[in-house]
């Protein structure tokens, strides 16, 4: 992960300054299923708009079911397909 702290005139907490939302994925480095499950568990505890949890996630693992992944990918608008192709 890159270290790209936010340029601010006021000191902010390092975790906030260092927040980064990447849109690039390494196609040659698949994410292990166990890591996906751990990420989803962490995301489940994230706050939501109006605090209307519980969260629901739909996951399509390209390596587990390429056809299902392609069907899901086809539902994305072209902009999202452009950055999501290697997800």
N, C-alpha and C. Protein backbone atom coordinates (compact mmCIF):
# COMPACT_ATOMS: atom_id res chain seq x y z
N UNK A 1 0.85 -1.17 0.00
CA UNK A 1 0.00 0.00 0.00
C UNK A 1 0.89 1.23 0.00
N UNK A 2 0.45 2.28 -0.65
CA UNK A 2 1.20 3.51 -0.74
C UNK A 2 0.98 4.37 0.48
N UNK A 3 1.99 5.15 0.82
CA UNK A 3 1.87 6.12 1.90
C UNK A 3 1.64 7.47 1.26
N UNK A 4 0.41 7.93 1.25
CA UNK A 4 0.05 9.20 0.61
C UNK A 4 -0.74 10.05 1.59
N UNK A 5 -0.07 10.60 2.61
CA UNK A 5 -0.81 11.38 3.60
C UNK A 5 -1.48 12.61 2.96
N UNK A 6 -2.63 12.94 3.48
CA UNK A 6 -3.38 14.09 2.97
C UNK A 6 -2.63 15.38 3.31
N UNK A 7 -2.47 16.27 2.32
CA UNK A 7 -1.83 17.56 2.61
C UNK A 7 -2.84 18.48 3.29
N UNK A 8 -2.62 18.80 4.54
CA UNK A 8 -3.55 19.65 5.29
C UNK A 8 -2.80 20.77 5.99
N UNK A 9 -3.49 21.86 6.24
CA UNK A 9 -2.92 22.97 7.00
C UNK A 9 -3.06 22.75 8.50
N UNK A 10 -3.94 21.84 8.88
CA UNK A 10 -4.21 21.53 10.28
C UNK A 10 -3.83 20.08 10.52
N UNK A 11 -3.17 19.81 11.64
CA UNK A 11 -2.82 18.43 11.96
C UNK A 11 -4.07 17.59 12.16
N UNK A 12 -4.10 16.44 11.51
CA UNK A 12 -5.19 15.49 11.70
C UNK A 12 -4.58 14.14 12.06
N UNK A 13 -5.37 13.27 12.60
CA UNK A 13 -4.90 11.97 13.04
C UNK A 13 -4.25 11.24 11.86
N UNK A 14 -3.10 10.59 12.10
CA UNK A 14 -2.40 9.88 11.01
C UNK A 14 -3.25 8.84 10.29
N UNK A 15 -4.17 8.16 10.99
CA UNK A 15 -5.02 7.17 10.32
C UNK A 15 -5.95 7.83 9.32
N UNK A 16 -6.41 9.04 9.64
CA UNK A 16 -7.29 9.76 8.71
C UNK A 16 -6.45 10.34 7.57
N UNK A 17 -5.32 10.95 7.89
CA UNK A 17 -4.46 11.54 6.87
C UNK A 17 -3.95 10.48 5.89
N UNK A 18 -3.74 9.27 6.37
CA UNK A 18 -3.21 8.22 5.53
C UNK A 18 -4.24 7.41 4.78
N UNK A 19 -5.52 7.73 4.96
CA UNK A 19 -6.58 6.98 4.28
C UNK A 19 -6.42 7.10 2.77
N UNK A 20 -6.59 5.99 2.10
CA UNK A 20 -6.44 5.97 0.65
C UNK A 20 -7.39 4.94 0.07
N UNK A 21 -8.08 5.30 -1.00
CA UNK A 21 -9.01 4.39 -1.67
C UNK A 21 -8.45 4.02 -3.04
N UNK A 22 -7.74 2.91 -3.12
CA UNK A 22 -7.14 2.53 -4.41
C UNK A 22 -8.18 2.03 -5.40
N UNK A 23 -7.87 2.21 -6.67
CA UNK A 23 -8.71 1.66 -7.73
C UNK A 23 -7.89 0.79 -8.66
N UNK A 24 -6.72 0.42 -8.22
CA UNK A 24 -5.86 -0.43 -9.04
C UNK A 24 -5.61 -1.72 -8.28
N UNK A 25 -5.68 -2.80 -9.00
CA UNK A 25 -5.50 -4.12 -8.40
C UNK A 25 -4.43 -4.87 -9.17
N UNK A 26 -3.68 -5.68 -8.48
CA UNK A 26 -2.67 -6.52 -9.12
C UNK A 26 -3.35 -7.80 -9.59
N UNK A 27 -3.55 -7.92 -10.88
CA UNK A 27 -4.25 -9.08 -11.44
C UNK A 27 -3.51 -10.38 -11.18
N UNK A 28 -2.20 -10.28 -11.00
CA UNK A 28 -1.42 -11.50 -10.81
C UNK A 28 -1.27 -11.88 -9.33
N UNK A 29 -1.97 -11.18 -8.44
CA UNK A 29 -1.90 -11.47 -7.01
C UNK A 29 -3.32 -11.66 -6.46
N UNK A 30 -3.90 -12.84 -6.64
CA UNK A 30 -5.26 -13.06 -6.16
C UNK A 30 -5.35 -12.95 -4.63
N UNK A 31 -6.50 -12.56 -4.16
CA UNK A 31 -6.75 -12.44 -2.72
C UNK A 31 -7.30 -13.77 -2.23
N UNK A 32 -6.71 -14.29 -1.17
CA UNK A 32 -7.16 -15.57 -0.62
C UNK A 32 -8.57 -15.45 -0.07
N UNK A 33 -9.33 -16.52 -0.19
CA UNK A 33 -10.71 -16.54 0.30
C UNK A 33 -10.78 -16.13 1.77
N UNK A 34 -9.85 -16.61 2.57
CA UNK A 34 -9.84 -16.28 4.00
C UNK A 34 -9.66 -14.77 4.22
N UNK A 35 -8.87 -14.11 3.36
CA UNK A 35 -8.69 -12.66 3.46
C UNK A 35 -9.97 -11.93 3.07
N UNK A 36 -10.68 -12.44 2.06
CA UNK A 36 -11.96 -11.84 1.67
C UNK A 36 -12.94 -11.91 2.83
N UNK A 37 -13.01 -13.05 3.48
CA UNK A 37 -13.92 -13.22 4.62
C UNK A 37 -13.54 -12.26 5.75
N UNK A 38 -12.24 -12.11 6.01
CA UNK A 38 -11.79 -11.19 7.07
C UNK A 38 -12.13 -9.74 6.73
N UNK A 39 -11.96 -9.35 5.47
CA UNK A 39 -12.31 -8.00 5.05
C UNK A 39 -13.80 -7.74 5.18
N UNK A 40 -14.60 -8.72 4.81
CA UNK A 40 -16.04 -8.56 4.93
C UNK A 40 -16.48 -8.45 6.39
N UNK A 41 -15.82 -9.19 7.27
CA UNK A 41 -16.14 -9.09 8.70
C UNK A 41 -15.81 -7.69 9.22
N UNK A 42 -14.67 -7.15 8.80
CA UNK A 42 -14.31 -5.78 9.20
C UNK A 42 -15.32 -4.78 8.64
N UNK A 43 -15.72 -4.96 7.38
CA UNK A 43 -16.67 -4.05 6.75
C UNK A 43 -18.04 -4.12 7.43
N UNK A 44 -18.38 -5.30 7.91
CA UNK A 44 -19.67 -5.49 8.58
C UNK A 44 -19.81 -4.58 9.79
N UNK A 45 -18.69 -4.24 10.42
CA UNK A 45 -18.70 -3.42 11.61
C UNK A 45 -18.58 -1.93 11.30
N UNK A 46 -18.47 -1.57 10.02
CA UNK A 46 -18.35 -0.16 9.65
C UNK A 46 -19.70 0.54 9.79
N UNK A 47 -19.69 1.82 10.16
CA UNK A 47 -20.95 2.54 10.26
C UNK A 47 -21.57 2.74 8.88
N UNK A 48 -22.86 2.95 8.85
CA UNK A 48 -23.55 3.18 7.59
C UNK A 48 -24.34 4.48 7.67
N UNK A 49 -24.80 4.93 6.52
CA UNK A 49 -25.66 6.12 6.50
C UNK A 49 -26.90 5.87 7.34
N UNK A 50 -27.20 6.77 8.21
CA UNK A 50 -28.36 6.65 9.11
C UNK A 50 -28.27 5.45 10.05
N UNK A 51 -27.08 4.83 10.11
CA UNK A 51 -26.85 3.70 11.01
C UNK A 51 -27.89 2.59 10.82
N UNK A 52 -28.12 2.24 9.59
CA UNK A 52 -29.15 1.25 9.27
C UNK A 52 -28.56 -0.13 8.97
N UNK A 53 -27.56 -0.55 9.75
CA UNK A 53 -27.03 -1.89 9.60
C UNK A 53 -28.17 -2.89 9.82
N UNK A 54 -28.09 -4.13 9.46
CA UNK A 54 -26.87 -4.83 9.08
C UNK A 54 -26.54 -4.66 7.60
N UNK A 55 -25.25 -4.76 7.32
CA UNK A 55 -24.77 -4.74 5.95
C UNK A 55 -25.07 -6.06 5.27
N UNK A 56 -25.14 -6.01 3.96
CA UNK A 56 -25.25 -7.22 3.15
C UNK A 56 -24.25 -7.10 2.02
N UNK A 57 -23.55 -8.16 1.73
CA UNK A 57 -22.53 -8.13 0.69
C UNK A 57 -22.77 -9.29 -0.27
N UNK A 58 -22.51 -9.05 -1.53
CA UNK A 58 -22.55 -10.10 -2.54
C UNK A 58 -21.14 -10.18 -3.11
N UNK A 59 -20.55 -11.34 -3.06
CA UNK A 59 -19.17 -11.52 -3.49
C UNK A 59 -19.13 -12.52 -4.63
N UNK A 60 -18.45 -12.13 -5.69
CA UNK A 60 -18.23 -13.04 -6.81
C UNK A 60 -16.73 -13.23 -6.93
N UNK A 61 -16.26 -14.43 -6.61
CA UNK A 61 -14.84 -14.72 -6.70
C UNK A 61 -14.54 -15.29 -8.08
N UNK A 62 -13.77 -14.52 -8.83
CA UNK A 62 -13.46 -14.88 -10.21
C UNK A 62 -12.88 -16.28 -10.33
N UNK A 63 -11.99 -16.65 -9.41
CA UNK A 63 -11.35 -17.96 -9.51
C UNK A 63 -12.30 -19.10 -9.14
N UNK A 64 -13.30 -18.82 -8.31
CA UNK A 64 -14.24 -19.87 -7.89
C UNK A 64 -15.31 -20.14 -8.93
N UNK A 65 -15.76 -19.08 -9.61
CA UNK A 65 -16.83 -19.24 -10.60
C UNK A 65 -16.71 -18.13 -11.65
N UNK A 66 -15.83 -18.32 -12.63
CA UNK A 66 -15.60 -17.28 -13.64
C UNK A 66 -16.87 -16.83 -14.37
N UNK A 67 -17.77 -17.74 -14.65
CA UNK A 67 -19.01 -17.38 -15.37
C UNK A 67 -19.88 -16.46 -14.53
N UNK A 68 -20.03 -16.75 -13.24
CA UNK A 68 -20.81 -15.90 -12.34
C UNK A 68 -20.17 -14.52 -12.23
N UNK A 69 -18.83 -14.50 -12.14
CA UNK A 69 -18.13 -13.22 -12.07
C UNK A 69 -18.41 -12.39 -13.32
N UNK A 70 -18.33 -13.01 -14.49
CA UNK A 70 -18.58 -12.28 -15.75
C UNK A 70 -20.00 -11.74 -15.81
N UNK A 71 -20.98 -12.52 -15.34
CA UNK A 71 -22.37 -12.03 -15.32
C UNK A 71 -22.50 -10.83 -14.39
N UNK A 72 -21.88 -10.90 -13.23
CA UNK A 72 -21.94 -9.78 -12.28
C UNK A 72 -21.21 -8.57 -12.86
N UNK A 73 -20.04 -8.80 -13.45
CA UNK A 73 -19.25 -7.72 -14.05
C UNK A 73 -20.04 -7.00 -15.14
N UNK A 74 -20.80 -7.74 -15.91
CA UNK A 74 -21.59 -7.17 -17.01
C UNK A 74 -22.66 -6.20 -16.51
N UNK A 75 -23.03 -6.29 -15.23
CA UNK A 75 -24.06 -5.38 -14.70
C UNK A 75 -23.50 -4.02 -14.33
N UNK A 76 -22.17 -3.88 -14.29
CA UNK A 76 -21.55 -2.61 -13.92
C UNK A 76 -21.60 -1.63 -15.08
N UNK A 77 -21.70 -0.35 -14.76
CA UNK A 77 -21.62 0.69 -15.79
C UNK A 77 -20.19 0.71 -16.32
N UNK A 78 -19.97 1.18 -17.55
CA UNK A 78 -18.64 1.15 -18.15
C UNK A 78 -17.54 1.78 -17.29
N UNK A 79 -17.81 2.89 -16.62
CA UNK A 79 -16.78 3.50 -15.77
C UNK A 79 -16.32 2.53 -14.70
N UNK A 80 -17.26 1.87 -14.03
CA UNK A 80 -16.88 0.93 -12.98
C UNK A 80 -16.22 -0.32 -13.54
N UNK A 81 -16.60 -0.71 -14.76
CA UNK A 81 -15.91 -1.84 -15.38
C UNK A 81 -14.44 -1.50 -15.63
N UNK A 82 -14.15 -0.24 -15.96
CA UNK A 82 -12.78 0.14 -16.29
C UNK A 82 -11.82 -0.05 -15.13
N UNK A 83 -12.26 0.26 -13.92
CA UNK A 83 -11.34 0.09 -12.78
C UNK A 83 -11.53 -1.24 -12.07
N UNK A 84 -12.62 -1.93 -12.36
CA UNK A 84 -12.93 -3.17 -11.66
C UNK A 84 -12.50 -4.41 -12.44
N UNK A 85 -11.97 -4.25 -13.61
CA UNK A 85 -11.65 -5.40 -14.46
C UNK A 85 -10.70 -6.39 -13.78
N UNK A 86 -9.78 -5.91 -12.98
CA UNK A 86 -8.82 -6.79 -12.33
C UNK A 86 -9.16 -7.08 -10.87
N UNK A 87 -10.36 -6.71 -10.44
CA UNK A 87 -10.73 -6.93 -9.03
C UNK A 87 -10.96 -8.40 -8.78
